Protein backbone atom coordinates (compact mmCIF):
# COMPACT_ATOMS: atom_id res chain seq x y z
CA MET A 1 195.22 4.06 19.11
CA LYS A 2 192.59 6.69 18.93
CA VAL A 3 189.42 6.63 16.58
CA ARG A 4 187.15 9.62 16.35
CA TYR A 5 184.13 10.59 14.69
CA HIS A 6 183.42 13.41 12.57
CA GLY A 7 179.83 13.24 11.07
CA HIS A 8 178.39 11.86 8.29
CA SER A 9 181.22 9.07 7.45
CA VAL A 10 184.01 10.58 8.14
CA VAL A 11 186.33 8.82 10.69
CA MET A 12 189.68 10.22 11.97
CA ILE A 13 192.35 6.97 13.30
CA GLU A 14 195.20 8.05 14.79
CA THR A 15 198.28 5.07 15.07
CA ASN A 16 201.69 4.36 14.92
CA GLY A 17 202.29 8.64 14.88
CA LYS A 18 199.98 9.04 11.42
CA ASN A 19 196.78 10.99 10.95
CA ILE A 20 194.27 8.74 9.11
CA ILE A 21 190.80 9.91 7.32
CA ILE A 22 188.26 7.72 6.03
CA ASP A 23 185.89 9.36 3.25
CA PRO A 24 186.28 13.41 4.35
CA PHE A 25 182.85 14.85 3.06
CA ILE A 26 183.63 18.29 5.21
CA THR A 27 182.54 21.25 3.01
CA GLY A 28 178.74 21.11 2.39
CA ASN A 29 178.52 18.27 5.58
CA GLY A 30 176.39 19.86 8.41
CA THR A 31 176.73 17.34 10.68
CA THR A 32 180.90 17.40 10.74
CA ASP A 33 183.13 19.83 13.75
CA LEU A 34 185.69 19.42 10.78
CA THR A 35 187.03 22.94 8.50
CA ALA A 36 188.58 20.91 5.33
CA GLU A 37 191.41 24.24 5.47
CA ASP A 38 192.36 22.74 9.04
CA VAL A 39 192.43 18.65 8.44
CA LYS A 40 196.19 17.26 8.53
CA VAL A 41 196.36 13.99 7.74
CA ASP A 42 199.22 11.84 6.41
CA VAL A 43 196.57 9.46 4.72
CA ILE A 44 193.10 9.55 3.25
CA LEU A 45 191.23 6.31 2.94
CA LEU A 46 188.04 5.98 0.53
CA THR A 47 185.56 3.83 0.10
CA HIS A 48 183.90 4.76 -2.71
CA GLY A 49 183.74 7.80 -5.27
CA HIS A 50 180.08 9.83 -4.11
CA ASN A 51 180.87 13.06 -3.30
CA ASP A 52 179.52 12.68 0.56
CA HIS A 53 182.47 10.40 0.57
CA VAL A 54 185.39 11.74 -1.53
CA GLY A 55 184.23 15.24 -0.03
CA ASP A 56 187.72 17.19 0.01
CA THR A 57 190.03 14.41 -0.79
CA VAL A 58 191.66 16.44 -3.71
CA SER A 59 192.63 19.27 -1.75
CA ILE A 60 193.52 18.17 1.89
CA ALA A 61 195.70 15.33 0.07
CA LYS A 62 197.82 18.44 -1.75
CA ARG A 63 198.08 20.54 1.24
CA ASN A 64 199.32 17.86 3.27
CA ASP A 65 201.05 15.51 0.33
CA ALA A 66 198.35 12.62 1.93
CA LEU A 67 198.66 9.20 0.32
CA VAL A 68 195.01 8.08 -0.83
CA VAL A 69 193.98 4.69 -0.78
CA ALA A 70 190.94 3.56 -2.92
CA PRO A 71 189.46 1.56 -5.57
CA PHE A 72 191.66 1.46 -9.13
CA GLU A 73 188.76 3.41 -10.80
CA LEU A 74 188.61 5.56 -8.27
CA ALA A 75 192.06 6.29 -7.33
CA THR A 76 193.02 6.51 -11.09
CA TYR A 77 190.59 9.24 -11.42
CA LEU A 78 192.02 11.19 -8.07
CA GLY A 79 195.20 10.52 -9.87
CA TRP A 80 194.92 12.28 -12.77
CA GLN A 81 194.13 15.31 -10.59
CA GLY A 82 197.53 15.37 -9.27
CA VAL A 83 197.12 13.39 -5.87
CA LYS A 84 199.47 10.46 -4.82
CA VAL A 85 197.45 7.86 -4.43
CA HIS A 86 197.60 3.80 -4.15
CA PRO A 87 195.13 1.68 -5.76
CA MET A 88 192.99 -1.14 -4.65
CA HIS A 89 190.57 -3.48 -5.33
CA ILE A 90 188.05 -5.63 -3.70
CA GLY A 91 189.54 -8.65 -2.00
CA GLY A 92 193.13 -7.19 -1.62
CA ALA A 93 194.99 -6.49 1.48
CA TYR A 94 198.56 -3.99 1.42
CA GLU A 95 200.58 -3.80 4.57
CA PHE A 96 201.36 -0.37 5.00
CA GLU A 97 203.87 1.36 6.82
CA PHE A 98 200.81 2.66 9.23
CA GLY A 99 198.44 -0.53 8.92
CA LYS A 100 196.85 -2.98 7.13
CA VAL A 101 194.40 -2.03 4.56
CA LYS A 102 191.71 -4.65 3.00
CA LEU A 103 188.70 -3.35 0.79
CA THR A 104 185.44 -5.61 1.15
CA GLN A 105 182.80 -5.74 -0.92
CA ALA A 106 179.67 -2.98 -0.76
CA PHE A 107 176.46 -3.17 -2.62
CA HIS A 108 176.14 0.45 -3.39
CA GLY A 109 177.27 3.10 -6.50
CA SER A 110 180.21 4.91 -7.09
CA SER A 111 180.55 7.75 -9.29
CA TYR A 112 181.34 11.40 -9.74
CA MET A 113 178.42 14.08 -10.78
CA ASP A 114 179.56 16.48 -13.31
CA GLU A 115 176.34 18.68 -12.53
CA GLU A 116 177.63 21.39 -15.20
CA ASN A 117 177.91 18.67 -18.28
CA LYS A 118 174.88 16.59 -16.81
CA THR A 119 177.75 13.64 -16.99
CA ILE A 120 178.51 10.50 -14.84
CA VAL A 121 181.70 9.51 -14.37
CA TYR A 122 182.16 6.08 -13.24
CA THR A 123 185.09 4.96 -10.29
CA GLY A 124 184.49 1.44 -9.75
CA MET A 125 183.25 -0.65 -7.44
CA PRO A 126 182.40 0.77 -3.81
CA SER A 127 184.07 -0.95 -0.93
CA GLY A 128 184.20 -0.94 2.80
CA ILE A 129 187.53 -1.07 4.31
CA LEU A 130 188.98 -3.61 6.69
CA PHE A 131 192.06 -1.20 8.82
CA THR A 132 194.33 -3.29 11.07
CA ALA A 133 196.92 -1.56 13.32
CA GLU A 134 198.49 -1.65 16.95
CA GLY A 135 196.09 -5.42 16.91
CA LYS A 136 193.01 -3.65 16.98
CA THR A 137 190.61 -3.82 13.71
CA ILE A 138 188.30 -1.15 12.66
CA TYR A 139 185.94 -2.30 9.71
CA HIS A 140 184.27 1.00 7.96
CA ALA A 141 181.51 -0.64 6.13
CA GLY A 142 180.74 2.58 3.44
CA ASP A 143 177.67 2.78 2.15
CA THR A 144 175.97 -0.61 1.28
CA ALA A 145 172.75 -2.85 1.69
CA LEU A 146 173.23 -5.79 3.83
CA PHE A 147 174.77 -9.31 2.49
CA SER A 148 174.88 -12.06 3.52
CA ASP A 149 179.04 -11.88 3.14
CA MET A 150 178.95 -9.75 6.03
CA LYS A 151 178.75 -13.15 8.62
CA LEU A 152 182.03 -14.12 6.58
CA ILE A 153 183.94 -10.84 7.37
CA GLY A 154 182.80 -11.23 11.04
CA GLU A 155 183.97 -15.09 11.38
CA ARG A 156 187.35 -14.10 9.53
CA ASN A 157 188.35 -10.95 11.40
CA SER A 158 188.28 -10.28 14.94
CA ILE A 159 186.76 -6.56 14.88
CA ASP A 160 187.25 -4.35 17.95
CA VAL A 161 185.24 -1.14 16.09
CA ALA A 162 182.68 -1.46 13.18
CA PHE A 163 181.20 1.94 11.38
CA LEU A 164 177.37 1.13 9.75
CA PRO A 165 175.48 3.43 8.01
CA ILE A 166 171.61 3.28 9.53
CA GLY A 167 170.16 6.56 7.30
CA ASP A 168 167.88 3.86 5.07
CA ASN A 169 167.09 4.89 1.47
CA PHE A 170 170.68 4.71 0.11
CA THR A 171 172.21 2.00 2.58
CA MET A 172 170.97 -0.13 5.06
CA GLY A 173 168.25 1.06 7.54
CA PRO A 174 168.23 0.17 11.07
CA GLU A 175 166.66 -2.90 10.95
CA ASP A 176 169.70 -4.25 8.69
CA ALA A 177 172.26 -2.91 10.48
CA ALA A 178 171.20 -4.33 13.22
CA LEU A 179 171.29 -7.74 11.54
CA ALA A 180 174.49 -6.69 10.53
CA ALA A 181 176.27 -5.87 13.43
CA GLU A 182 175.16 -9.52 14.76
CA TRP A 183 176.58 -11.31 11.66
CA LEU A 184 179.95 -9.12 12.32
CA GLN A 185 180.58 -9.59 15.93
CA ALA A 186 182.29 -7.02 16.30
CA LYS A 187 183.24 -5.65 20.01
CA THR A 188 181.80 -1.90 19.72
CA VAL A 189 178.90 -1.08 16.98
CA VAL A 190 179.05 2.75 16.06
CA PRO A 191 176.03 3.88 13.68
CA ILE A 192 177.11 6.45 11.14
CA HIS A 193 175.60 8.22 7.48
CA TYR A 194 172.36 9.43 9.08
CA ASN A 195 170.83 13.11 9.63
CA THR A 196 173.06 14.60 6.93
CA PHE A 197 170.50 15.10 4.73
CA PRO A 198 166.29 14.89 5.61
CA VAL A 199 166.19 11.87 3.72
CA ILE A 200 168.04 9.73 6.15
CA GLU A 201 167.39 11.04 9.20
CA GLN A 202 167.19 8.09 12.03
CA ASP A 203 167.17 7.86 15.63
CA PRO A 204 171.35 6.72 16.33
CA GLU A 205 170.52 6.09 20.28
CA ALA A 206 167.59 4.18 19.49
CA PHE A 207 169.45 1.58 16.81
CA VAL A 208 172.16 1.30 19.81
CA ASN A 209 169.75 0.59 22.55
CA SER A 210 168.54 -2.24 19.78
CA LEU A 211 171.55 -4.24 19.86
CA SER A 212 171.91 -7.03 21.89
CA GLY A 213 175.27 -7.30 24.64
CA LYS A 214 175.60 -3.82 25.03
CA LYS A 215 177.96 -3.35 22.30
CA GLY A 216 176.44 -0.40 20.36
CA LYS A 217 177.79 3.12 20.50
CA MET A 218 176.29 6.17 19.92
CA LEU A 219 179.73 8.72 19.28
CA PRO A 220 178.66 12.24 19.04
CA VAL A 221 180.80 14.52 16.59
CA GLY A 222 183.76 14.48 17.59
CA GLN A 223 184.36 12.06 20.36
CA SER A 224 186.87 9.24 20.17
CA ILE A 225 187.38 5.56 21.06
CA GLU A 226 190.55 4.63 22.86
CA LEU A 227 191.40 0.89 21.57
């Protein structure tokens, strides 16, 4: 299995002959190395409905005939736009041919902003994602505050890589993310959701160095981890 980081919260997974992308915010993302028109994937996993996570989902899914797996309300909303979807909800798991997906809770918001009409479309509860394939487990926390049930997630799952937001303001900052890393007991912790916008500027190297046991890893955009 190969896991690659593409800036902000974008993560690509190659496993079981399938390409899977999490939260494909590409257009308008100044930290990514991807071009939306060139992305070739079989599956899109979404944590919540904010545009800096849903991003280019509709165009990528339609061009690739890709399956979109998302929380129920968000999946329904995308399905109305002609996208092939599999709805799920927090606490639920499903065994797909490409791997097992389980949604975890996340403390954040989830909505689509219609700026032209000044309306907000609610897209259900936000989530994190536990993805398991080839005997390996990846945890993508999505956007979230620190919450004590991260201890339970760590106790019940042998996590190989945890992707944790460190940007602060909208999510956990570095100090809370460091405590989350301790509770999750992941073998490797990768910081995400930082430096995309001025308000979430952080030093990922400082965060990585703050973690005990040398388990932190700052993945430059476009680089991967082999599991």
